[in-house]
Amino acid sequence: MKPDYGLIYSDIIRNKYQDKMKKYEFVSKKKKWSALDIIKINNMIFGTQDYASQQKNRKHHSYSESDILEILQYQKKHKISNSHLASHFHLSRNSVAKWKKIFYDSI
């Protein structure tokens, strides 16, 4: 059973950021959330984190197969290296290389 991210973020916006309710109206309507969607909305609401916080939180990320394929499609579409992709999504270069080995046929 997955958490209802739409409800969670709607509650956060309603309780802490009432002035931003119109801007983030789409949050409550979104039904399916990918890991990338969660990272994007989190950065939109709370802003980007400092490097130390990113390092700490990075250990707790997990990505589904569809999220990994979306990341690898982003790399293919924008024609960027593993290093640039890892930097953009705050991943390890080793993770990107491993994903490419595993999912190479899928992209």
PDB file of N, CA and C in Angstrom:
ATOM      1  N   MET A   1       0.851  -1.180   0.000  1.00  0.00           N
ATOM      2  CA  MET A   1       0.000   0.000   0.000  1.00  0.00           C
ATOM      3  C   MET A   1       0.899   1.245   0.000  1.00  0.00           C
ATOM      4  N   LYS A   2       0.649   2.136  -0.943  1.00  0.00           N
ATOM      5  CA  LYS A   2       1.463   3.341  -1.083  1.00  0.00           C
ATOM      6  C   LYS A   2       0.779   4.527  -0.402  1.00  0.00           C
ATOM      7  N   PRO A   3       1.567   5.471   0.062  1.00  0.00           N
ATOM      8  CA  PRO A   3       0.973   6.672   0.660  1.00  0.00           C
ATOM      9  C   PRO A   3       0.239   7.502  -0.403  1.00  0.00           C
ATOM     10  N   ASP A   4      -0.754   8.248   0.019  1.00  0.00           N
ATOM     11  CA  ASP A   4      -1.492   9.142  -0.869  1.00  0.00           C
ATOM     12  C   ASP A   4      -0.765  10.488  -0.885  1.00  0.00           C
ATOM     13  N   TYR A   5       0.175  10.635  -1.812  1.00  0.00           N
ATOM     14  CA  TYR A   5       0.995  11.836  -1.858  1.00  0.00           C
ATOM     15  C   TYR A   5       0.175  13.086  -2.161  1.00  0.00           C
ATOM     16  N   GLY A   6      -0.878  12.944  -2.954  1.00  0.00           N
ATOM     17  CA  GLY A   6      -1.740  14.079  -3.248  1.00  0.00           C
ATOM     18  C   GLY A   6      -2.353  14.637  -1.971  1.00  0.00           C
ATOM     19  N   LEU A   7      -2.840  13.764  -1.117  1.00  0.00           N
ATOM     20  CA  LEU A   7      -3.437  14.173   0.147  1.00  0.00           C
ATOM     21  C   LEU A   7      -2.377  14.756   1.086  1.00  0.00           C
ATOM     22  N   ILE A   8      -1.231  14.131   1.143  1.00  0.00           N
ATOM     23  CA  ILE A   8      -0.153  14.608   2.012  1.00  0.00           C
ATOM     24  C   ILE A   8       0.275  16.015   1.622  1.00  0.00           C
ATOM     25  N   TYR A   9       0.576  16.224   0.336  1.00  0.00           N
ATOM     26  CA  TYR A   9       1.023  17.542  -0.107  1.00  0.00           C
ATOM     27  C   TYR A   9      -0.099  18.570  -0.055  1.00  0.00           C
ATOM     28  N   SER A  10      -1.330  18.150  -0.300  1.00  0.00           N
ATOM     29  CA  SER A  10      -2.460  19.083  -0.174  1.00  0.00           C
ATOM     30  C   SER A  10      -2.588  19.575   1.264  1.00  0.00           C
ATOM     31  N   ASP A  11      -2.437  18.661   2.215  1.00  0.00           N
ATOM     32  CA  ASP A  11      -2.503  19.048   3.628  1.00  0.00           C
ATOM     33  C   ASP A  11      -1.369  19.999   3.998  1.00  0.00           C
ATOM     34  N   ILE A  12      -0.176  19.732   3.509  1.00  0.00           N
ATOM     35  CA  ILE A  12       0.966  20.610   3.799  1.00  0.00           C
ATOM     36  C   ILE A  12       0.714  21.996   3.237  1.00  0.00           C
ATOM     37  N   ILE A  13       0.237  22.048   2.002  1.00  0.00           N
ATOM     38  CA  ILE A  13      -0.029  23.345   1.367  1.00  0.00           C
ATOM     39  C   ILE A  13      -1.142  24.077   2.115  1.00  0.00           C
ATOM     40  N   ARG A  14      -2.208  23.367   2.465  1.00  0.00           N
ATOM     41  CA  ARG A  14      -3.334  23.978   3.167  1.00  0.00           C
ATOM     42  C   ARG A  14      -2.928  24.492   4.550  1.00  0.00           C
ATOM     43  N   ASN A  15      -2.098  23.748   5.256  1.00  0.00           N
ATOM     44  CA  ASN A  15      -1.733  24.131   6.626  1.00  0.00           C
ATOM     45  C   ASN A  15      -0.603  25.144   6.713  1.00  0.00           C
ATOM     46  N   LYS A  16       0.389  25.040   5.838  1.00  0.00           N
ATOM     47  CA  LYS A  16       1.572  25.890   5.969  1.00  0.00           C
ATOM     48  C   LYS A  16       1.693  26.977   4.912  1.00  0.00           C
ATOM     49  N   TYR A  17       1.175  26.717   3.716  1.00  0.00           N
ATOM     50  CA  TYR A  17       1.381  27.631   2.588  1.00  0.00           C
ATOM     51  C   TYR A  17       0.051  27.997   1.932  1.00  0.00           C
ATOM     52  N   GLN A  18      -0.855  28.565   2.693  1.00  0.00           N
ATOM     53  CA  GLN A  18      -2.183  28.888   2.173  1.00  0.00           C
ATOM     54  C   GLN A  18      -2.125  29.883   1.025  1.00  0.00           C
ATOM     55  N   ASP A  19      -1.119  30.729   1.009  1.00  0.00           N
ATOM     56  CA  ASP A  19      -0.978  31.701  -0.065  1.00  0.00           C
ATOM     57  C   ASP A  19      -0.627  31.043  -1.402  1.00  0.00           C
ATOM     58  N   LYS A  20      -0.170  29.811  -1.381  1.00  0.00           N
ATOM     59  CA  LYS A  20       0.233  29.095  -2.598  1.00  0.00           C
ATOM     60  C   LYS A  20      -0.818  28.078  -3.062  1.00  0.00           C
ATOM     61  N   MET A  21      -1.998  28.094  -2.457  1.00  0.00           N
ATOM     62  CA  MET A  21      -2.999  27.060  -2.763  1.00  0.00           C
ATOM     63  C   MET A  21      -3.405  27.046  -4.231  1.00  0.00           C
ATOM     64  N   LYS A  22      -3.608  28.184  -4.839  1.00  0.00           N
ATOM     65  CA  LYS A  22      -4.015  28.232  -6.249  1.00  0.00           C
ATOM     66  C   LYS A  22      -2.912  27.686  -7.155  1.00  0.00           C
ATOM     67  N   LYS A  23      -1.676  28.044  -6.821  1.00  0.00           N
ATOM     68  CA  LYS A  23      -0.533  27.636  -7.627  1.00  0.00           C
ATOM     69  C   LYS A  23      -0.367  26.116  -7.652  1.00  0.00           C
ATOM     70  N   TYR A  24      -0.667  25.466  -6.532  1.00  0.00           N
ATOM     71  CA  TYR A  24      -0.469  24.024  -6.404  1.00  0.00           C
ATOM     72  C   TYR A  24      -1.784  23.250  -6.388  1.00  0.00           C
ATOM     73  N   GLU A  25      -2.773  23.761  -7.054  1.00  0.00           N
ATOM     74  CA  GLU A  25      -4.077  23.123  -7.117  1.00  0.00           C
ATOM     75  C   GLU A  25      -4.012  21.743  -7.785  1.00  0.00           C
ATOM     76  N   PHE A  26      -3.093  21.586  -8.720  1.00  0.00           N
ATOM     77  CA  PHE A  26      -2.956  20.329  -9.464  1.00  0.00           C
ATOM     78  C   PHE A  26      -2.526  19.166  -8.576  1.00  0.00           C
ATOM     79  N   VAL A  27      -1.955  19.460  -7.411  1.00  0.00           N
ATOM     80  CA  VAL A  27      -1.427  18.404  -6.540  1.00  0.00           C
ATOM     81  C   VAL A  27      -2.537  17.472  -6.080  1.00  0.00           C
ATOM     82  N   SER A  28      -3.669  18.027  -5.683  1.00  0.00           N
ATOM     83  CA  SER A  28      -4.748  17.180  -5.176  1.00  0.00           C
ATOM     84  C   SER A  28      -5.411  16.367  -6.292  1.00  0.00           C
ATOM     85  N   LYS A  29      -5.275  16.802  -7.546  1.00  0.00           N
ATOM     86  CA  LYS A  29      -5.920  16.123  -8.666  1.00  0.00           C
ATOM     87  C   LYS A  29      -5.075  14.995  -9.250  1.00  0.00           C
ATOM     88  N   LYS A  30      -3.780  15.016  -8.998  1.00  0.00           N
ATOM     89  CA  LYS A  30      -2.881  14.009  -9.572  1.00  0.00           C
ATOM     90  C   LYS A  30      -3.115  12.664  -8.887  1.00  0.00           C
ATOM     91  N   LYS A  31      -3.313  11.636  -9.687  1.00  0.00           N
ATOM     92  CA  LYS A  31      -3.623  10.311  -9.145  1.00  0.00           C
ATOM     93  C   LYS A  31      -2.392   9.432  -8.983  1.00  0.00           C
ATOM     94  N   LYS A  32      -1.527   9.410  -9.997  1.00  0.00           N
ATOM     95  CA  LYS A  32      -0.363   8.529  -9.962  1.00  0.00           C
ATOM     96  C   LYS A  32       0.901   9.372  -9.791  1.00  0.00           C
ATOM     97  N   TRP A  33       1.693   9.040  -8.792  1.00  0.00           N
ATOM     98  CA  TRP A  33       2.902   9.795  -8.461  1.00  0.00           C
ATOM     99  C   TRP A  33       4.127   8.929  -8.697  1.00  0.00           C
ATOM    100  N   SER A  34       5.080   9.451  -9.459  1.00  0.00           N
ATOM    101  CA  SER A  34       6.367   8.769  -9.609  1.00  0.00           C
ATOM    102  C   SER A  34       7.342   9.401  -8.614  1.00  0.00           C
ATOM    103  N   ALA A  35       8.466   8.765  -8.415  1.00  0.00           N
ATOM    104  CA  ALA A  35       9.477   9.319  -7.510  1.00  0.00           C
ATOM    105  C   ALA A  35       9.947  10.686  -8.001  1.00  0.00           C
ATOM    106  N   LEU A  36      10.027  10.855  -9.304  1.00  0.00           N
ATOM    107  CA  LEU A  36      10.465  12.138  -9.864  1.00  0.00           C
ATOM    108  C   LEU A  36       9.435  13.233  -9.609  1.00  0.00           C
ATOM    109  N   ASP A  37       8.143  12.880  -9.690  1.00  0.00           N
ATOM    110  CA  ASP A  37       7.089  13.849  -9.382  1.00  0.00           C
ATOM    111  C   ASP A  37       7.185  14.312  -7.933  1.00  0.00           C
ATOM    112  N   ILE A  38       7.452  13.390  -7.056  1.00  0.00           N
ATOM    113  CA  ILE A  38       7.545  13.703  -5.629  1.00  0.00           C
ATOM    114  C   ILE A  38       8.728  14.623  -5.369  1.00  0.00           C
ATOM    115  N   ILE A  39       9.852  14.350  -5.995  1.00  0.00           N
ATOM    116  CA  ILE A  39      11.033  15.202  -5.827  1.00  0.00           C
ATOM    117  C   ILE A  39      10.761  16.594  -6.371  1.00  0.00           C
ATOM    118  N   LYS A  40      10.116  16.679  -7.550  1.00  0.00           N
ATOM    119  CA  LYS A  40       9.810  17.984  -8.152  1.00  0.00           C
ATOM    120  C   LYS A  40       8.891  18.814  -7.271  1.00  0.00           C
ATOM    121  N   ILE A  41       7.785  18.229  -6.813  1.00  0.00           N
ATOM    122  CA  ILE A  41       6.829  18.991  -6.002  1.00  0.00           C
ATOM    123  C   ILE A  41       7.437  19.362  -4.658  1.00  0.00           C
ATOM    124  N   ASN A  42       8.264  18.495  -4.125  1.00  0.00           N
ATOM    125  CA  ASN A  42       8.940  18.788  -2.865  1.00  0.00           C
ATOM    126  C   ASN A  42       9.858  20.003  -3.028  1.00  0.00           C
ATOM    127  N   ASN A  43      10.609  20.049  -4.125  1.00  0.00           N
ATOM    128  CA  ASN A  43      11.480  21.196  -4.391  1.00  0.00           C
ATOM    129  C   ASN A  43      10.674  22.453  -4.681  1.00  0.00           C
ATOM    130  N   MET A  44       9.522  22.314  -5.339  1.00  0.00           N
ATOM    131  CA  MET A  44       8.691  23.479  -5.625  1.00  0.00           C
ATOM    132  C   MET A  44       8.127  24.089  -4.343  1.00  0.00           C
ATOM    133  N   ILE A  45       7.686  23.255  -3.433  1.00  0.00           N
ATOM    134  CA  ILE A  45       7.064  23.747  -2.203  1.00  0.00           C
ATOM    135  C   ILE A  45       8.101  24.235  -1.207  1.00  0.00           C
ATOM    136  N   PHE A  46       9.108  23.426  -0.948  1.00  0.00           N
ATOM    137  CA  PHE A  46      10.064  23.741   0.114  1.00  0.00           C
ATOM    138  C   PHE A  46      11.349  24.392  -0.385  1.00  0.00           C
ATOM    139  N   GLY A  47      11.553  24.433  -1.692  1.00  0.00           N
ATOM    140  CA  GLY A  47      12.793  24.969  -2.230  1.00  0.00           C
ATOM    141  C   GLY A  47      13.865  23.896  -2.233  1.00  0.00           C
ATOM    142  N   THR A  48      14.986  24.219  -2.840  1.00  0.00           N
ATOM    143  CA  THR A  48      16.074  23.246  -2.886  1.00  0.00           C
ATOM    144  C   THR A  48      16.773  23.191  -1.531  1.00  0.00           C
ATOM    145  N   GLN A  49      17.355  22.063  -1.254  1.00  0.00           N
ATOM    146  CA  GLN A  49      18.024  21.850   0.017  1.00  0.00           C
ATOM    147  C   GLN A  49      19.511  22.134  -0.122  1.00  0.00           C
ATOM    148  N   ASP A  50      20.142  22.359   1.009  1.00  0.00           N
ATOM    149  CA  ASP A  50      21.590  22.525   0.976  1.00  0.00           C
ATOM    150  C   ASP A  50      22.240  21.159   0.735  1.00  0.00           C
ATOM    151  N   TYR A  51      23.512  21.187   0.436  1.00  0.00           N
ATOM    152  CA  TYR A  51      24.225  19.975   0.042  1.00  0.00           C
ATOM    153  C   TYR A  51      24.189  18.908   1.135  1.00  0.00           C
ATOM    154  N   ALA A  52      24.359  19.300   2.387  1.00  0.00           N
ATOM    155  CA  ALA A  52      24.386  18.332   3.489  1.00  0.00           C
ATOM    156  C   ALA A  52      23.036  17.615   3.613  1.00  0.00           C
ATOM    157  N   SER A  53      21.949  18.346   3.471  1.00  0.00           N
ATOM    158  CA  SER A  53      20.617  17.739   3.556  1.00  0.00           C
ATOM    159  C   SER A  53      20.377  16.809   2.384  1.00  0.00           C
ATOM    160  N   GLN A  54      20.835  17.202   1.203  1.00  0.00           N
ATOM    161  CA  GLN A  54      20.683  16.348   0.035  1.00  0.00           C
ATOM    162  C   GLN A  54      21.422  15.035   0.229  1.00  0.00           C
ATOM    163  N   GLN A  55      22.635  15.114   0.749  1.00  0.00           N
ATOM    164  CA  GLN A  55      23.427  13.904   0.982  1.00  0.00           C
ATOM    165  C   GLN A  55      22.714  12.974   1.950  1.00  0.00           C
ATOM    166  N   LYS A  56      22.151  13.551   3.006  1.00  0.00           N
ATOM    167  CA  LYS A  56      21.467  12.753   4.024  1.00  0.00           C
ATOM    168  C   LYS A  56      20.205  12.101   3.452  1.00  0.00           C
ATOM    169  N   ASN A  57      19.417  12.865   2.711  1.00  0.00           N
ATOM    170  CA  ASN A  57      18.157  12.355   2.176  1.00  0.00           C
ATOM    171  C   ASN A  57      18.338  11.422   0.986  1.00  0.00           C
ATOM    172  N   ARG A  58      19.446  11.547   0.301  1.00  0.00           N
ATOM    173  CA  ARG A  58      19.696  10.728  -0.880  1.00  0.00           C
ATOM    174  C   ARG A  58      19.721   9.246  -0.527  1.00  0.00           C
ATOM    175  N   LYS A  59      20.120   8.927   0.677  1.00  0.00           N
ATOM    176  CA  LYS A  59      20.209   7.533   1.099  1.00  0.00           C
ATOM    177  C   LYS A  59      18.827   6.876   1.182  1.00  0.00           C
ATOM    178  N   HIS A  60      17.776   7.681   1.281  1.00  0.00           N
ATOM    179  CA  HIS A  60      16.434   7.150   1.488  1.00  0.00           C
ATOM    180  C   HIS A  60      15.603   7.087   0.212  1.00  0.00           C
ATOM    181  N   HIS A  61      16.180   7.452  -0.928  1.00  0.00           N
ATOM    182  CA  HIS A  61      15.447   7.402  -2.181  1.00  0.00           C
ATOM    183  C   HIS A  61      15.412   5.982  -2.707  1.00  0.00           C
ATOM    184  N   SER A  62      14.278   5.635  -3.255  1.00  0.00           N
ATOM    185  CA  SER A  62      14.184   4.376  -3.975  1.00  0.00           C
ATOM    186  C   SER A  62      13.398   4.662  -5.241  1.00  0.00           C
ATOM    187  N   TYR A  63      13.736   3.996  -6.306  1.00  0.00           N
ATOM    188  CA  TYR A  63      13.139   4.257  -7.599  1.00  0.00           C
ATOM    189  C   TYR A  63      12.545   2.979  -8.159  1.00  0.00           C
ATOM    190  N   SER A  64      11.351   3.096  -8.693  1.00  0.00           N
ATOM    191  CA  SER A  64      10.718   1.949  -9.336  1.00  0.00           C
ATOM    192  C   SER A  64      11.301   1.800 -10.740  1.00  0.00           C
ATOM    193  N   GLU A  65      10.972   0.721 -11.376  1.00  0.00           N
ATOM    194  CA  GLU A  65      11.483   0.482 -12.724  1.00  0.00           C
ATOM    195  C   GLU A  65      11.024   1.591 -13.677  1.00  0.00           C
ATOM    196  N   SER A  66       9.778   2.016 -13.541  1.00  0.00           N
ATOM    197  CA  SER A  66       9.269   3.072 -14.420  1.00  0.00           C
ATOM    198  C   SER A  66       9.998   4.395 -14.184  1.00  0.00           C
ATOM    199  N   ASP A  67      10.357   4.676 -12.929  1.00  0.00           N
ATOM    200  CA  ASP A  67      11.120   5.893 -12.622  1.00  0.00           C
ATOM    201  C   ASP A  67      12.512   5.835 -13.251  1.00  0.00           C
ATOM    202  N   ILE A  68      13.140   4.681 -13.147  1.00  0.00           N
ATOM    203  CA  ILE A  68      14.483   4.504 -13.718  1.00  0.00           C
ATOM    204  C   ILE A  68      14.431   4.669 -15.234  1.00  0.00           C
ATOM    205  N   LEU A  69      13.427   4.074 -15.851  1.00  0.00           N
ATOM    206  CA  LEU A  69      13.300   4.201 -17.309  1.00  0.00           C
ATOM    207  C   LEU A  69      13.047   5.649 -17.716  1.00  0.00           C
ATOM    208  N   GLU A  70      12.288   6.371 -16.914  1.00  0.00           N
ATOM    209  CA  GLU A  70      12.040   7.792 -17.190  1.00  0.00           C
ATOM    210  C   GLU A  70      13.335   8.596 -17.095  1.00  0.00           C
ATOM    211  N   ILE A  71      14.152   8.292 -16.100  1.00  0.00           N
ATOM    212  CA  ILE A  71      15.442   8.973 -15.947  1.00  0.00           C
ATOM    213  C   ILE A  71      16.350   8.659 -17.134  1.00  0.00           C
ATOM    214  N   LEU A  72      16.391   7.396 -17.536  1.00  0.00           N
ATOM    215  CA  LEU A  72      17.237   7.010 -18.660  1.00  0.00           C
ATOM    216  C   LEU A  72      16.717   7.598 -19.984  1.00  0.00           C
ATOM    217  N   GLN A  73      15.411   7.732 -20.117  1.00  0.00           N
ATOM    218  CA  GLN A  73      14.843   8.392 -21.299  1.00  0.00           C
ATOM    219  C   GLN A  73      15.224   9.870 -21.323  1.00  0.00           C
ATOM    220  N   TYR A  74      15.255  10.491 -20.156  1.00  0.00           N
ATOM    221  CA  TYR A  74      15.678  11.894 -20.051  1.00  0.00           C
ATOM    222  C   TYR A  74      17.111  12.037 -20.563  1.00  0.00           C
ATOM    223  N   GLN A  75      17.964  11.088 -20.173  1.00  0.00           N
ATOM    224  CA  GLN A  75      19.357  11.120 -20.619  1.00  0.00           C
ATOM    225  C   GLN A  75      19.438  10.980 -22.135  1.00  0.00           C
ATOM    226  N   LYS A  76      18.679  10.058 -22.674  1.00  0.00           N
ATOM    227  CA  LYS A  76      18.709   9.816 -24.115  1.00  0.00           C
ATOM    228  C   LYS A  76      18.160  11.026 -24.878  1.00  0.00           C
ATOM    229  N   LYS A  77      17.076  11.606 -24.382  1.00  0.00           N
ATOM    230  CA  LYS A  77      16.442  12.751 -25.039  1.00  0.00           C
ATOM    231  C   LYS A  77      17.356  13.971 -25.062  1.00  0.00           C
ATOM    232  N   HIS A  78      18.027  14.226 -23.946  1.00  0.00           N
ATOM    233  CA  HIS A  78      18.874  15.412 -23.829  1.00  0.00           C
ATOM    234  C   HIS A  78      20.338  15.150 -24.192  1.00  0.00           C
ATOM    235  N   LYS A  79      20.642  13.887 -24.527  1.00  0.00           N
ATOM    236  CA  LYS A  79      21.990  13.491 -24.949  1.00  0.00           C
ATOM    237  C   LYS A  79      23.062  13.963 -23.970  1.00  0.00           C
ATOM    238  N   ILE A  80      22.891  13.546 -22.717  1.00  0.00           N
ATOM    239  CA  ILE A  80      23.851  13.935 -21.676  1.00  0.00           C
ATOM    240  C   ILE A  80      24.582  12.697 -21.162  1.00  0.00           C
ATOM    241  N   SER A  81      25.720  12.928 -20.561  1.00  0.00           N
ATOM    242  CA  SER A  81      26.542  11.830 -20.052  1.00  0.00           C
ATOM    243  C   SER A  81      25.976  11.310 -18.729  1.00  0.00           C
ATOM    244  N   ASN A  82      26.513  10.189 -18.288  1.00  0.00           N
ATOM    245  CA  ASN A  82      26.114   9.627 -16.998  1.00  0.00           C
ATOM    246  C   ASN A  82      26.399  10.608 -15.862  1.00  0.00           C
ATOM    247  N   SER A  83      27.529  11.302 -15.943  1.00  0.00           N
ATOM    248  CA  SER A  83      27.896  12.258 -14.896  1.00  0.00           C
ATOM    249  C   SER A  83      26.898  13.402 -14.811  1.00  0.00           C
ATOM    250  N   HIS A  84      26.510  13.934 -15.967  1.00  0.00           N
ATOM    251  CA  HIS A  84      25.545  15.036 -15.974  1.00  0.00           C
ATOM    252  C   HIS A  84      24.169  14.578 -15.491  1.00  0.00           C
ATOM    253  N   LEU A  85      23.781  13.384 -15.891  1.00  0.00           N
ATOM    254  CA  LEU A  85      22.504  12.835 -15.444  1.00  0.00           C
ATOM    255  C   LEU A  85      22.502  12.631 -13.932  1.00  0.00           C
ATOM    256  N   ALA A  86      23.575  12.053 -13.432  1.00  0.00           N
ATOM    257  CA  ALA A  86      23.691  11.821 -11.990  1.00  0.00           C
ATOM    258  C   ALA A  86      23.649  13.138 -11.230  1.00  0.00           C
ATOM    259  N   SER A  87      24.312  14.138 -11.733  1.00  0.00           N
ATOM    260  CA  SER A  87      24.323  15.447 -11.094  1.00  0.00           C
ATOM    261  C   SER A  87      22.935  16.083 -11.119  1.00  0.00           C
ATOM    262  N   HIS A  88      22.255  15.975 -12.245  1.00  0.00           N
ATOM    263  CA  HIS A  88      20.933  16.587 -12.401  1.00  0.00           C
ATOM    264  C   HIS A  88      19.904  15.988 -11.443  1.00  0.00           C
ATOM    265  N   PHE A  89      19.921  14.667 -11.298  1.00  0.00           N
ATOM    266  CA  PHE A  89      18.947  13.985 -10.454  1.00  0.00           C
ATOM    267  C   PHE A  89      19.492  13.635  -9.067  1.00  0.00           C
ATOM    268  N   HIS A  90      20.681  14.099  -8.756  1.00  0.00           N
ATOM    269  CA  HIS A  90      21.321  13.850  -7.453  1.00  0.00           C
ATOM    270  C   HIS A  90      21.436  12.354  -7.185  1.00  0.00           C
ATOM    271  N   LEU A  91      22.039  11.688  -8.147  1.00  0.00           N
ATOM    272  CA  LEU A  91      22.268  10.254  -8.057  1.00  0.00           C
ATOM    273  C   LEU A  91      23.761   9.977  -8.054  1.00  0.00           C
ATOM    274  N   SER A  92      24.096   8.739  -7.862  1.00  0.00           N
ATOM    275  CA  SER A  92      25.467   8.288  -7.998  1.00  0.00           C
ATOM    276  C   SER A  92      25.717   7.901  -9.450  1.00  0.00           C
ATOM    277  N   ARG A  93      26.918   8.191  -9.955  1.00  0.00           N
ATOM    278  CA  ARG A  93      27.266   7.779 -11.319  1.00  0.00           C
ATOM    279  C   ARG A  93      27.226   6.262 -11.433  1.00  0.00           C
ATOM    280  N   ASN A  94      27.587   5.580 -10.360  1.00  0.00           N
ATOM    281  CA  ASN A  94      27.562   4.120 -10.365  1.00  0.00           C
ATOM    282  C   ASN A  94      26.131   3.592 -10.504  1.00  0.00           C
ATOM    283  N   SER A  95      25.183   4.268  -9.869  1.00  0.00           N
ATOM    284  CA  SER A  95      23.781   3.858  -9.999  1.00  0.00           C
ATOM    285  C   SER A  95      23.321   3.993 -11.436  1.00  0.00           C
ATOM    286  N   VAL A  96      23.654   5.111 -12.064  1.00  0.00           N
ATOM    287  CA  VAL A  96      23.260   5.336 -13.452  1.00  0.00           C
ATOM    288  C   VAL A  96      23.876   4.265 -14.354  1.00  0.00           C
ATOM    289  N   ALA A  97      25.144   3.973 -14.168  1.00  0.00           N
ATOM    290  CA  ALA A  97      25.819   2.954 -14.983  1.00  0.00           C
ATOM    291  C   ALA A  97      25.179   1.582 -14.778  1.00  0.00           C
ATOM    292  N   LYS A  98      24.854   1.261 -13.548  1.00  0.00           N
ATOM    293  CA  LYS A  98      24.230  -0.033 -13.252  1.00  0.00           C
ATOM    294  C   LYS A  98      22.852  -0.117 -13.898  1.00  0.00           C
ATOM    295  N   TRP A  99      22.076   0.962 -13.799  1.00  0.00           N
ATOM    296  CA  TRP A  99      20.749   0.986 -14.410  1.00  0.00           C
ATOM    297  C   TRP A  99      20.842   0.810 -15.921  1.00  0.00           C
ATOM    298  N   LYS A 100      21.838   1.453 -16.532  1.00  0.00           N
ATOM    299  CA  LYS A 100      21.993   1.337 -17.983  1.00  0.00           C
ATOM    300  C   LYS A 100      22.323  -0.103 -18.377  1.00  0.00           C
ATOM    301  N   LYS A 101      23.127  -0.781 -17.577  1.00  0.00           N
ATOM    302  CA  LYS A 101      23.445  -2.188 -17.859  1.00  0.00           C
ATOM    303  C   LYS A 101      22.208  -3.063 -17.760  1.00  0.00           C
ATOM    304  N   ILE A 102      21.400  -2.804 -16.724  1.00  0.00           N
ATOM    305  CA  ILE A 102      20.219  -3.629 -16.480  1.00  0.00           C
ATOM    306  C   ILE A 102      19.109  -3.340 -17.492  1.00  0.00           C
ATOM    307  N   PHE A 103      18.859  -2.049 -17.753  1.00  0.00           N
ATOM    308  CA  PHE A 103      17.713  -1.645 -18.555  1.00  0.00           C
ATOM    309  C   PHE A 103      18.069  -1.202 -19.964  1.00  0.00           C
ATOM    310  N   TYR A 104      19.247  -1.525 -20.438  1.00  0.00           N
ATOM    311  CA  TYR A 104      19.702  -1.037 -21.735  1.00  0.00           C
ATOM    312  C   TYR A 104      18.743  -1.392 -22.867  1.00  0.00           C
ATOM    313  N   ASP A 105      18.173  -2.578 -22.833  1.00  0.00           N
ATOM    314  CA  ASP A 105      17.259  -3.013 -23.885  1.00  0.00           C
ATOM    315  C   ASP A 105      15.928  -2.285 -23.828  1.00  0.00           C
ATOM    316  N   SER A 106      15.570  -1.763 -22.646  1.00  0.00           N
ATOM    317  CA  SER A 106      14.272  -1.109 -22.477  1.00  0.00           C
ATOM    318  C   SER A 106      14.239   0.321 -22.958  1.00  0.00           C
ATOM    319  N   ILE A 107      15.415   0.959 -23.066  1.00  0.00           N
ATOM    320  CA  ILE A 107      15.423   2.372 -23.468  1.00  0.00           C
ATOM    321  C   ILE A 107      15.611   2.555 -24.938  1.00  0.00           C
TER     322      ILE A 107
END
